[in-house]
Amino acid sequence: MKTGTFDEALEIIESFPEEQKESIIEIVKRRLTEERRERLAQTVKEAREEYARGEVRRGTVDDLMLEITQ
């Protein structure tokens, strides 16, 4: 987003009554939460697909460290 556009948006929001500002905050928080939830769901889906294709290995931290240092 361009800085000018962001600054303009903030100026508009600052002109709103307090109740509308609080509503905007709640709406943005809910949308951010939903976006995070969707990203997490996508990550879980991808991990399950990788597991199903056999692209995931199991082991301990020691196993991982041994593999990294080899």
Protein backbone atom coordinates (compact mmCIF):
# COMPACT_ATOMS: atom_id res chain seq x y z
CA MET A 1 0.00 0.00 0.00
CA LYS A 2 1.28 3.45 -0.79
CA THR A 3 2.14 5.63 2.20
CA GLY A 4 -0.10 8.42 0.91
CA THR A 5 -3.07 6.09 0.67
CA PHE A 6 -2.40 4.70 4.16
CA ASP A 7 -2.07 8.20 5.62
CA GLU A 8 -5.28 9.24 3.88
CA ALA A 9 -7.09 6.24 5.33
CA LEU A 10 -5.84 7.11 8.81
CA GLU A 11 -6.99 10.70 8.43
CA ILE A 12 -10.45 9.53 7.39
CA ILE A 13 -10.64 7.14 10.33
CA GLU A 14 -9.50 9.86 12.72
CA SER A 15 -12.47 11.95 11.62
CA PHE A 16 -14.92 9.22 12.70
CA PRO A 17 -16.71 9.25 16.05
CA GLU A 18 -15.16 7.07 18.76
CA GLU A 19 -17.78 4.33 18.39
CA GLN A 20 -17.06 3.93 14.68
CA LYS A 21 -13.30 3.86 15.35
CA GLU A 22 -13.86 1.04 17.85
CA SER A 23 -16.01 -0.81 15.31
CA ILE A 24 -13.27 -0.53 12.69
CA ILE A 25 -10.73 -1.91 15.17
CA GLU A 26 -12.95 -4.92 15.92
CA ILE A 27 -13.61 -5.57 12.23
CA VAL A 28 -9.90 -5.45 11.37
CA LYS A 29 -9.03 -7.72 14.31
CA ARG A 30 -11.65 -10.28 13.21
CA ARG A 31 -10.39 -10.18 9.62
CA LEU A 32 -6.78 -10.62 10.73
CA THR A 33 -7.79 -13.57 12.90
CA GLU A 34 -9.63 -15.14 9.98
CA GLU A 35 -6.67 -14.61 7.64
CA ARG A 36 -4.34 -16.26 10.16
CA ARG A 37 -6.78 -19.13 10.59
CA GLU A 38 -6.94 -19.63 6.82
CA ARG A 39 -3.12 -19.59 6.52
CA LEU A 40 -2.84 -22.13 9.33
CA ALA A 41 -5.45 -24.35 7.70
CA GLN A 42 -3.52 -24.17 4.43
CA THR A 43 -0.27 -25.05 6.19
CA VAL A 44 -1.91 -28.04 7.88
CA LYS A 45 -3.39 -29.17 4.54
CA GLU A 46 0.02 -28.95 2.86
CA ALA A 47 1.68 -30.83 5.73
CA ARG A 48 -0.90 -33.61 5.49
CA GLU A 49 -0.39 -33.86 1.74
CA GLU A 50 3.39 -34.06 2.22
CA TYR A 51 2.89 -36.75 4.84
CA ALA A 52 0.60 -38.71 2.52
CA ARG A 53 3.24 -38.54 -0.23
CA GLY A 54 5.86 -39.80 2.20
CA GLU A 55 7.81 -36.54 2.16
CA VAL A 56 7.87 -36.27 5.95
CA ARG A 57 10.33 -38.07 8.16
CA ARG A 58 10.06 -38.77 11.83
CA GLY A 59 12.81 -38.64 14.39
CA THR A 60 14.16 -37.06 17.49
CA VAL A 61 16.01 -33.77 17.80
CA ASP A 62 19.20 -35.81 18.06
CA ASP A 63 18.35 -37.50 14.74
CA LEU A 64 17.81 -34.14 13.12
CA MET A 65 21.05 -32.72 14.49
CA LEU A 66 22.96 -35.78 13.29
CA GLU A 67 21.51 -35.39 9.80
CA ILE A 68 22.30 -31.67 9.69
CA THR A 69 25.92 -32.15 10.71
CA GLN A 70 26.63 -34.90 8.19
